[in-house]
Protein backbone atom coordinates (compact mmCIF):
# COMPACT_ATOMS: atom_id res chain seq x y z
CA MET A 1 -107.02 40.23 168.53
CA LYS A 2 -105.58 43.36 166.91
CA ALA A 3 -108.17 46.07 166.27
CA HIS A 4 -108.03 49.60 164.89
CA ASP A 5 -109.61 52.33 166.99
CA GLY A 6 -110.53 54.46 163.98
CA MET A 7 -112.16 54.38 160.56
CA TYR A 8 -110.40 53.75 157.24
CA ILE A 9 -111.35 56.83 155.22
CA GLY A 10 -109.57 58.47 152.33
CA GLY A 11 -106.68 56.02 152.42
CA GLN A 12 -105.83 56.42 156.12
CA TRP A 13 -107.03 55.40 159.56
CA ARG A 14 -108.82 58.36 161.13
CA PRO A 15 -110.19 58.80 164.66
CA ALA A 16 -113.90 58.09 164.97
CA ALA A 17 -116.23 61.05 165.36
CA GLY A 18 -117.71 59.73 168.61
CA PRO A 19 -116.38 57.92 171.71
CA ASP A 20 -118.66 54.85 171.65
CA THR A 21 -117.27 51.42 170.89
CA ILE A 22 -118.58 47.95 170.05
CA ALA A 23 -117.33 44.88 171.91
CA VAL A 24 -116.29 41.97 169.71
CA VAL A 25 -117.10 38.66 171.40
CA ASN A 26 -115.70 35.22 170.67
CA PRO A 27 -118.89 33.12 170.41
CA ALA A 28 -117.08 29.92 171.39
CA ASP A 29 -116.21 31.11 174.92
CA GLU A 30 -118.20 34.38 175.25
CA GLN A 31 -115.04 36.39 175.94
CA VAL A 32 -114.55 39.94 174.66
CA ILE A 33 -111.57 39.89 172.29
CA ALA A 34 -111.53 43.48 170.99
CA HIS A 35 -113.36 46.78 170.70
CA VAL A 36 -113.98 48.79 167.54
CA PRO A 37 -115.48 52.26 167.15
CA ALA A 38 -119.23 52.63 166.78
CA GLY A 39 -119.54 54.86 163.75
CA THR A 40 -121.94 57.78 163.54
CA ALA A 41 -123.64 59.66 160.73
CA GLU A 42 -120.68 62.05 160.81
CA ASP A 43 -118.26 59.18 160.12
CA VAL A 44 -120.46 58.01 157.25
CA ASP A 45 -120.58 61.52 155.84
CA ASP A 46 -116.77 61.75 155.93
CA ALA A 47 -116.45 58.38 154.20
CA VAL A 48 -118.98 59.24 151.47
CA ARG A 49 -117.20 62.54 150.86
CA ALA A 50 -113.89 60.70 150.42
CA ALA A 51 -115.51 58.22 148.05
CA ARG A 52 -117.10 61.00 145.98
CA GLU A 53 -113.78 62.81 145.69
CA ALA A 54 -112.06 59.62 144.52
CA PHE A 55 -114.80 58.59 142.10
CA PRO A 56 -113.95 60.69 139.00
CA GLY A 57 -110.33 59.53 138.94
CA TRP A 58 -111.15 55.87 139.55
CA ALA A 59 -114.00 55.86 137.01
CA ALA A 60 -111.65 57.29 134.39
CA THR A 61 -108.99 54.66 135.09
CA ALA A 62 -108.56 52.13 132.29
CA PRO A 63 -110.19 48.74 132.97
CA ALA A 64 -106.81 47.04 132.73
CA GLU A 65 -105.48 49.26 135.50
CA ARG A 66 -108.51 48.58 137.67
CA ALA A 67 -107.95 44.88 137.02
CA ALA A 68 -104.35 45.20 138.17
CA GLY A 69 -105.48 46.83 141.41
CA ILE A 70 -107.99 44.06 142.13
CA SER A 71 -105.36 41.46 141.26
CA ALA A 72 -102.97 43.03 143.76
CA LEU A 73 -105.73 42.96 146.38
CA ARG A 74 -106.33 39.27 145.66
CA ASP A 75 -102.63 38.54 146.15
CA VAL A 76 -102.59 40.30 149.52
CA LEU A 77 -105.67 38.36 150.66
CA ALA A 78 -104.02 35.12 149.60
CA ALA A 79 -100.82 35.98 151.44
CA ARG A 80 -102.75 36.79 154.63
CA ALA A 81 -105.10 33.81 154.40
CA GLU A 82 -104.02 32.22 157.68
CA GLU A 83 -104.45 35.47 159.61
CA ILE A 84 -107.86 35.96 158.00
CA ALA A 85 -108.94 32.42 158.90
CA GLU A 86 -107.88 32.83 162.52
CA THR A 87 -109.72 36.15 162.76
CA VAL A 88 -112.93 34.72 161.32
CA THR A 89 -112.75 31.79 163.72
CA ALA A 90 -112.23 34.16 166.65
CA GLU A 91 -115.14 36.50 165.92
CA LEU A 92 -117.59 34.21 164.08
CA GLY A 93 -116.81 30.90 165.76
CA ALA A 94 -116.42 28.87 162.57
CA PRO A 95 -114.18 25.79 162.90
CA LEU A 96 -110.68 26.69 161.72
CA ALA A 97 -110.75 24.19 158.85
CA LEU A 98 -113.89 25.88 157.48
CA SER A 99 -112.37 29.32 157.96
CA GLN A 100 -109.28 28.27 156.01
CA THR A 101 -111.08 26.70 153.05
CA VAL A 102 -114.24 28.80 152.72
CA HIS A 103 -113.96 32.03 154.70
CA ALA A 104 -110.39 32.79 153.62
CA GLY A 105 -110.19 30.76 150.41
CA LEU A 106 -113.40 31.69 148.58
CA PRO A 107 -112.81 35.47 148.65
CA VAL A 108 -109.48 34.97 146.92
CA LEU A 109 -111.22 33.10 144.08
CA VAL A 110 -113.92 35.75 143.79
CA ALA A 111 -111.44 38.63 143.79
CA GLY A 112 -109.43 36.84 141.11
CA SER A 113 -112.53 36.36 138.98
CA TYR A 114 -113.23 40.10 139.04
CA ALA A 115 -109.64 40.95 138.20
CA GLU A 116 -110.10 38.88 135.06
CA LEU A 117 -113.55 40.31 134.31
CA ALA A 118 -112.39 43.92 134.70
CA ALA A 119 -109.79 43.31 132.02
CA SER A 120 -112.06 41.43 129.59
CA TYR A 121 -115.53 42.91 130.10
CA THR A 122 -117.13 44.76 127.17
CA PHE A 123 -117.96 48.22 128.46
CA GLU A 124 -119.23 49.52 125.12
CA GLU A 125 -121.00 48.12 122.07
CA LYS A 126 -122.53 49.23 118.77
CA ILE A 127 -126.29 48.79 118.30
CA GLY A 128 -127.38 50.13 114.93
CA ASN A 129 -126.53 53.81 114.77
CA SER A 130 -125.89 53.94 118.54
CA THR A 131 -122.86 53.38 120.68
CA VAL A 132 -123.86 52.06 124.09
CA PHE A 133 -121.57 52.66 127.04
CA LEU A 134 -121.71 50.86 130.40
CA GLU A 135 -120.52 53.31 133.03
CA PRO A 136 -120.01 53.03 136.80
CA VAL A 137 -123.04 53.87 138.93
CA GLY A 138 -120.99 56.03 141.31
CA VAL A 139 -120.52 55.71 145.05
CA VAL A 140 -121.63 52.37 146.47
CA GLY A 141 -122.79 51.89 150.05
CA ALA A 142 -122.07 48.25 150.90
CA ILE A 143 -123.69 46.77 154.02
CA THR A 144 -122.53 43.24 154.74
CA PRO A 145 -123.56 40.46 157.17
CA TRP A 146 -121.58 38.43 159.66
CA ASN A 147 -122.13 34.88 158.40
CA TYR A 148 -119.52 35.01 155.61
CA PRO A 149 -117.76 38.21 156.63
CA LEU A 150 -114.95 38.40 154.06
CA HIS A 151 -116.72 36.68 151.18
CA GLN A 152 -119.65 39.08 151.39
CA ILE A 153 -117.29 42.06 151.43
CA VAL A 154 -115.35 40.86 148.39
CA ALA A 155 -118.55 39.90 146.54
CA LYS A 156 -119.60 43.56 146.71
CA VAL A 157 -116.36 45.52 146.71
CA ALA A 158 -114.55 43.64 143.93
CA PRO A 159 -117.26 44.07 141.25
CA ALA A 160 -117.85 47.67 142.32
CA LEU A 161 -114.16 48.45 141.86
CA ALA A 162 -114.09 46.55 138.57
CA ALA A 163 -116.97 48.67 137.31
CA GLY A 164 -115.18 51.88 138.29
CA CYS A 165 -117.23 52.66 141.40
CA THR A 166 -115.91 53.74 144.78
CA VAL A 167 -117.15 52.15 147.99
CA VAL A 168 -118.11 52.87 151.59
CA LEU A 169 -118.41 49.64 153.58
CA LYS A 170 -120.45 49.21 156.77
CA PRO A 171 -119.72 45.63 157.95
CA ALA A 172 -121.71 43.64 160.49
CA GLU A 173 -121.01 44.68 164.06
CA ASP A 174 -120.34 41.06 165.09
CA THR A 175 -117.43 40.59 162.66
CA PRO A 176 -115.69 43.96 162.21
CA LEU A 177 -112.15 42.65 162.64
CA THR A 178 -112.29 40.79 159.34
CA ALA A 179 -113.43 44.03 157.68
CA GLN A 180 -110.51 45.89 159.21
CA LEU A 181 -108.15 43.24 157.82
CA PHE A 182 -109.70 43.82 154.41
CA ALA A 183 -109.05 47.57 154.72
CA GLU A 184 -105.42 46.79 155.56
CA ALA A 185 -105.25 44.61 152.44
CA VAL A 186 -106.65 47.45 150.31
CA ALA A 187 -103.90 49.75 151.60
CA GLU A 188 -101.21 47.12 151.10
CA ALA A 189 -102.42 46.51 147.54
CA GLY A 190 -101.86 50.19 146.76
CA LEU A 191 -105.40 51.10 145.69
CA PRO A 192 -105.91 54.88 145.44
CA ALA A 193 -107.03 56.80 148.51
CA GLY A 194 -110.79 57.04 148.84
CA VAL A 195 -111.58 54.22 146.46
CA PHE A 196 -112.47 52.05 149.47
CA ASN A 197 -113.60 53.36 152.84
CA LEU A 198 -114.64 51.54 156.02
CA VAL A 199 -117.00 52.65 158.78
CA THR A 200 -117.69 50.19 161.58
CA GLY A 201 -120.89 50.67 163.53
CA LEU A 202 -124.43 49.58 164.31
CA GLY A 203 -126.99 49.04 161.59
CA PRO A 204 -129.65 51.44 162.90
CA VAL A 205 -127.04 54.21 163.12
CA ALA A 206 -124.23 53.82 160.56
CA GLY A 207 -126.15 51.52 158.22
CA GLN A 208 -129.20 53.77 158.20
CA ALA A 209 -127.05 56.85 157.57
CA LEU A 210 -125.34 55.13 154.64
CA ALA A 211 -128.60 53.98 153.04
CA ALA A 212 -130.11 57.45 153.40
CA HIS A 213 -127.08 59.47 152.29
CA GLU A 214 -127.67 61.63 149.21
CA GLY A 215 -124.07 61.10 148.13
CA VAL A 216 -124.57 57.34 147.74
CA ASP A 217 -125.76 56.17 144.32
CA LEU A 218 -126.36 52.48 145.06
CA VAL A 219 -126.84 50.47 148.24
CA SER A 220 -125.85 46.80 148.17
CA PHE A 221 -127.16 44.97 151.23
CA THR A 222 -127.02 41.35 152.34
CA GLY A 223 -129.01 40.30 155.38
CA SER A 224 -132.51 39.53 156.57
CA THR A 225 -135.59 40.23 154.50
CA ALA A 226 -137.00 42.42 157.26
CA VAL A 227 -133.97 44.72 157.26
CA GLY A 228 -133.84 44.58 153.46
CA ARG A 229 -137.32 46.08 153.31
CA GLN A 230 -136.15 48.94 155.55
CA ILE A 231 -133.06 49.51 153.40
CA GLY A 232 -135.18 49.59 150.25
CA ALA A 233 -137.62 52.08 151.76
CA THR A 234 -134.81 54.33 153.00
CA ALA A 235 -132.98 54.21 149.67
CA GLY A 236 -136.20 55.00 147.84
CA ALA A 237 -136.35 58.45 149.41
CA THR A 238 -133.40 59.53 147.25
CA VAL A 239 -134.27 57.17 144.35
CA LYS A 240 -130.94 55.39 144.60
CA ARG A 241 -130.49 51.91 143.22
CA VAL A 242 -130.54 48.92 145.54
CA ALA A 243 -129.20 45.38 145.33
CA LEU A 244 -130.62 43.13 148.05
CA GLU A 245 -129.53 39.58 148.85
CA LEU A 246 -131.94 38.50 151.56
CA GLY A 247 -133.33 35.45 153.35
CA GLY A 248 -134.03 31.93 152.21
CA LYS A 249 -135.89 28.73 153.05
CA SER A 250 -134.47 26.52 150.35
CA ALA A 251 -135.94 23.16 149.43
CA ASN A 252 -133.83 20.04 148.96
CA VAL A 253 -136.09 17.94 146.73
CA ILE A 254 -135.23 14.24 146.60
CA LEU A 255 -137.13 12.60 143.74
CA PRO A 256 -137.97 8.87 144.04
CA SER A 257 -135.34 7.82 141.50
CA ALA A 258 -132.47 9.51 143.37
CA ASP A 259 -129.70 7.91 145.38
CA LEU A 260 -131.49 8.50 148.68
CA ALA A 261 -128.53 7.84 150.98
CA LYS A 262 -126.28 10.28 149.11
CA ALA A 263 -128.96 12.96 148.83
CA VAL A 264 -129.73 12.85 152.55
CA LYS A 265 -126.06 12.81 153.56
CA VAL A 266 -125.17 15.79 151.38
CA GLY A 267 -128.34 17.60 152.40
CA ILE A 268 -127.50 17.32 156.09
CA ALA A 269 -123.92 18.45 155.44
CA ASN A 270 -125.19 21.47 153.53
CA VAL A 271 -127.24 22.71 156.48
CA MET A 272 -124.62 21.94 159.12
CA SER A 273 -121.93 23.91 157.30
CA ASN A 274 -121.22 27.24 159.01
CA SER A 275 -123.52 26.10 161.86
CA GLY A 276 -126.53 26.54 159.60
CA GLN A 277 -125.83 30.26 159.25
CA THR A 278 -126.14 30.27 155.46
CA CYS A 279 -128.98 32.04 153.66
CA SER A 280 -128.97 29.48 150.85
CA ALA A 281 -128.93 26.38 153.11
CA TRP A 282 -131.30 23.57 152.08
CA THR A 283 -133.24 23.62 155.33
CA ARG A 284 -136.33 21.85 153.97
CA MET A 285 -135.74 18.24 152.88
CA LEU A 286 -138.62 17.01 150.71
CA VAL A 287 -138.92 13.21 150.45
CA HIS A 288 -141.49 10.97 148.73
CA LYS A 289 -143.91 9.30 151.16
CA ASP A 290 -142.69 5.79 150.27
CA GLN A 291 -139.08 6.67 151.16
CA TYR A 292 -139.79 8.97 154.06
CA ASP A 293 -139.10 6.66 157.00
CA GLU A 294 -135.82 5.54 155.47
CA ALA A 295 -134.82 9.15 154.87
CA VAL A 296 -135.53 10.05 158.49
CA ALA A 297 -133.29 7.22 159.70
CA LEU A 298 -130.54 8.26 157.29
CA ALA A 299 -130.79 11.88 158.44
CA VAL A 300 -130.48 10.87 162.09
CA ASP A 301 -127.36 8.82 161.32
CA ALA A 302 -125.84 11.63 159.23
CA VAL A 303 -126.40 14.42 161.76
CA ALA A 304 -124.83 12.39 164.57
CA LYS A 305 -121.41 13.04 163.01
CA TYR A 306 -121.76 16.81 163.54
CA VAL A 307 -120.56 17.37 167.07
CA PRO A 308 -120.89 20.90 168.53
CA GLY A 309 -117.46 22.31 169.21
CA ASP A 310 -115.85 20.00 166.66
CA ARG A 311 -117.45 19.93 163.21
CA VAL A 312 -120.11 22.48 164.15
CA GLY A 313 -119.17 25.82 165.69
CA PRO A 314 -121.30 28.10 167.87
CA LEU A 315 -123.80 30.59 166.55
CA VAL A 316 -122.54 34.11 166.24
CA ASN A 317 -124.06 35.62 169.38
CA ALA A 318 -126.43 35.05 172.27
CA LYS A 319 -129.37 36.62 170.43
CA GLN A 320 -128.96 34.21 167.53
CA GLN A 321 -128.67 31.28 169.92
CA ARG A 322 -131.92 32.27 171.63
CA ARG A 323 -133.63 32.71 168.27
CA VAL A 324 -132.68 29.26 166.97
CA ARG A 325 -133.49 27.50 170.24
CA GLY A 326 -136.83 29.31 170.21
CA TYR A 327 -137.60 27.92 166.76
CA ILE A 328 -136.76 24.41 167.93
CA GLU A 329 -139.16 24.82 170.84
CA LYS A 330 -141.78 26.17 168.44
CA GLY A 331 -141.36 23.15 166.17
CA VAL A 332 -142.02 20.80 169.07
CA ALA A 333 -145.03 22.86 170.16
CA GLU A 334 -146.47 22.76 166.63
CA GLY A 335 -146.34 18.97 166.59
CA ALA A 336 -143.22 18.19 164.62
CA ARG A 337 -141.34 15.09 165.77
CA LEU A 338 -137.87 15.80 167.16
CA VAL A 339 -135.61 12.95 166.00
CA ALA A 340 -132.19 14.51 166.69
CA GLY A 341 -130.92 17.41 168.76
CA GLY A 342 -133.23 19.74 170.62
CA PRO A 343 -133.38 23.15 172.28
CA ASP A 344 -131.02 22.43 175.18
CA ALA A 345 -127.55 23.97 174.85
CA PRO A 346 -124.89 21.25 174.40
CA HIS A 347 -122.20 23.23 176.28
CA GLU A 348 -122.26 25.48 179.34
CA ARG A 349 -120.25 28.20 177.58
CA GLY A 350 -120.40 29.37 174.03
CA TYR A 351 -123.41 30.07 171.83
CA TYR A 352 -123.83 26.48 170.67
CA VAL A 353 -127.02 24.83 169.46
CA SER A 354 -127.35 21.08 168.98
CA PRO A 355 -127.68 20.02 165.32
CA THR A 356 -131.39 19.27 165.08
CA VAL A 357 -133.60 17.23 162.76
CA PHE A 358 -137.40 17.37 162.69
CA ALA A 359 -139.64 14.75 161.10
CA ASP A 360 -143.39 14.90 160.44
CA VAL A 361 -143.10 18.55 159.50
CA THR A 362 -146.08 20.00 157.67
CA GLU A 363 -145.77 22.90 155.29
CA GLU A 364 -147.72 25.42 157.38
CA MET A 365 -145.45 25.09 160.43
CA ALA A 366 -143.15 27.99 161.27
CA ILE A 367 -140.09 25.75 160.97
CA ALA A 368 -141.15 25.03 157.36
CA GLN A 369 -141.90 28.64 156.44
CA GLU A 370 -139.51 30.93 158.32
CA GLU A 371 -135.75 31.30 158.08
CA ILE A 372 -134.19 29.85 161.24
CA PHE A 373 -130.51 30.45 160.40
CA GLY A 374 -129.17 27.61 162.50
CA PRO A 375 -128.35 23.88 162.24
CA VAL A 376 -131.97 22.77 161.91
CA VAL A 377 -133.39 20.53 159.17
CA ALA A 378 -137.10 19.91 158.53
CA LEU A 379 -138.08 16.70 156.71
CA ILE A 380 -141.34 17.10 154.77
CA LYS A 381 -143.27 14.28 153.09
CA TYR A 382 -144.77 14.69 149.61
CA GLU A 383 -147.26 12.61 147.60
CA ASP A 384 -146.00 13.07 144.03
CA GLU A 385 -143.91 15.47 141.94
CA GLU A 386 -146.65 18.08 141.66
CA ASP A 387 -147.07 18.03 145.42
CA ALA A 388 -143.30 18.36 145.87
CA LEU A 389 -143.23 21.34 143.51
CA ARG A 390 -146.12 23.03 145.33
CA ILE A 391 -144.36 22.58 148.69
CA ALA A 392 -140.98 23.70 147.32
CA ASN A 393 -142.52 26.91 145.94
CA GLY A 394 -144.75 27.42 148.94
CA THR A 395 -142.81 30.04 150.88
CA VAL A 396 -142.16 33.76 150.44
CA TYR A 397 -138.53 32.96 149.67
CA GLY A 398 -136.74 31.83 146.53
CA LEU A 399 -132.98 31.99 146.99
CA ALA A 400 -131.61 28.51 146.35
CA GLY A 401 -132.43 24.81 146.34
CA ALA A 402 -131.41 21.36 145.26
CA VAL A 403 -132.90 18.53 143.21
CA TRP A 404 -131.79 14.90 143.19
CA ALA A 405 -132.80 12.30 140.59
CA ALA A 406 -131.43 9.27 138.76
CA ASP A 407 -130.17 11.47 135.94
CA ASP A 408 -129.55 15.16 135.45
CA ALA A 409 -132.29 15.61 132.84
CA GLU A 410 -135.01 14.53 135.26
CA ALA A 411 -133.66 16.82 137.96
CA VAL A 412 -133.32 19.75 135.55
CA ALA A 413 -136.92 19.37 134.38
CA PHE A 414 -138.08 19.73 137.98
CA ALA A 415 -135.64 22.53 138.83
CA ARG A 416 -136.81 24.64 135.88
CA ARG A 417 -140.22 24.87 137.58
CA MET A 418 -138.86 25.96 140.95
CA ASP A 419 -139.32 29.62 141.88
CA THR A 420 -135.77 30.16 143.05
CA GLY A 421 -132.60 31.84 141.85
CA GLN A 422 -130.11 28.99 142.07
CA VAL A 423 -130.55 25.19 142.11
CA ASP A 424 -127.87 22.53 142.58
CA ILE A 425 -128.46 19.44 140.46
CA ASN A 426 -127.41 16.12 141.99
CA GLY A 427 -124.88 17.80 144.26
CA GLY A 428 -123.47 20.26 141.73
CA ARG A 429 -120.47 22.23 142.98
CA PHE A 430 -120.66 25.90 143.92
CA ASN A 431 -119.63 28.12 141.01
CA PRO A 432 -118.20 31.53 141.99
CA LEU A 433 -118.90 32.84 138.48
CA ALA A 434 -122.59 31.91 138.42
CA PRO A 435 -125.15 34.59 139.34
CA PHE A 436 -126.34 34.33 142.95
CA GLY A 437 -129.55 35.93 144.11
CA GLY A 438 -133.21 35.29 144.72
CA TYR A 439 -136.79 35.36 143.55
CA LYS A 440 -139.68 36.80 145.57
CA GLN A 441 -138.65 38.09 149.01
CA SER A 442 -135.15 36.64 148.74
CA GLY A 443 -133.95 39.81 147.10
CA VAL A 444 -133.33 42.03 144.11
CA GLY A 445 -130.34 41.71 141.79
CA ARG A 446 -127.48 39.24 141.51
CA GLU A 447 -123.97 38.81 142.87
CA LEU A 448 -120.88 37.04 141.47
CA GLY A 449 -119.56 36.76 137.94
CA PRO A 450 -120.60 39.01 135.03
CA HIS A 451 -124.12 39.39 136.41
CA GLY A 452 -122.66 40.69 139.66
CA LEU A 453 -120.54 43.22 137.79
CA SER A 454 -123.57 44.50 135.87
CA GLU A 455 -125.24 45.57 139.13
CA TYR A 456 -122.69 48.37 139.43
CA LEU A 457 -123.05 49.69 135.87
CA GLN A 458 -125.50 52.09 134.26
CA THR A 459 -126.24 52.49 130.57
CA LYS A 460 -125.70 55.47 128.26
CA SER A 461 -126.38 55.47 124.52
CA LEU A 462 -125.05 57.91 121.93
CA GLN A 463 -126.82 58.14 118.55
CA PHE A 464 -124.94 59.04 115.36
């Protein structure tokens, strides 16, 4: 794979400050496919300086002009979709069909939505004798994960640019090639120098330096709750704003009136997508006690269609593979009944984990409480609706979820009582304009659509 040996700073590729590099590994065959520079605090400082220098000019640019720049970026991403998909497949391991539709396709939709919002958003309003202005926060430090490498970049960079902010991006070290492609797209789209800057590197070095930098006004981070706490504490030292999209342990609640076969089938598909490496995956399937045995049988049949190496790719790296297999072993040790899959690797090479289903899971088990981030589903039995609600709300997370019932009104009534940021009703489709984010320890703030744009704005009022 093609890789740059420098950082994209101030509109050009510059040599890295230090000699260290990061190996990029294809998780399907464990082969090194490229090396990228391991950024240092000096690289971050250079990138923040470039972003600060570019900020006044970009903030003063008319919204329509910013919209045109984001629209041009969207067009470049669309034109390079096949290259993007192949790159994501190579460094993340996602099946090519998924990379084409989701990893390359979704970012184009999101970028397009922010091109439209930048042109139509109301950045000022009259309230009594005041005029209220919504102004860009300033320089944004964006720290993105590996599981949806391009989508997570676009979901931060596009609204920041629409708001008039400038950006320094520190992407995940496992998927830096996709980030470098994005930097190439920014250049090809003709965005002004310094508006977007890229520093590849390790989280404890480059990420920490970005979160701590006094020249950064807002840190937007997506990743684990544990790291999110560290980011928040670091950012607090300079009282900068934070937006955190963190972990999840989402409940898929199947009410007795629902179409059980459909709810189980879609629920299994939801977790198996992206090899279970989705923070909003419905990893807890809650089923009424009278339908539980049937649901277990349906889940076993459904998961059998997800063959590792075909419909399910590998996990991103060896560490993640060990983590997920460890959770499967822990589930067995805690007394859950393994009805599909297991901890044994299905292939000799590649970081694969067998799609796994547990039955007889109780709510206090680790596999029912902790984010596994792999293709593992836990089926939990409930007594009645109040019991289901208690179980659904019974974790430290609150990112997403699903409710199934005979009609939407019944499902909505239940969903309104769930402590979570986003709920799909009877298989509702993903909406790239709807706010995405969590309650409790699933994060602070929202991404996507108008709510995502508002994260990058601050408020000024003038009284007359």
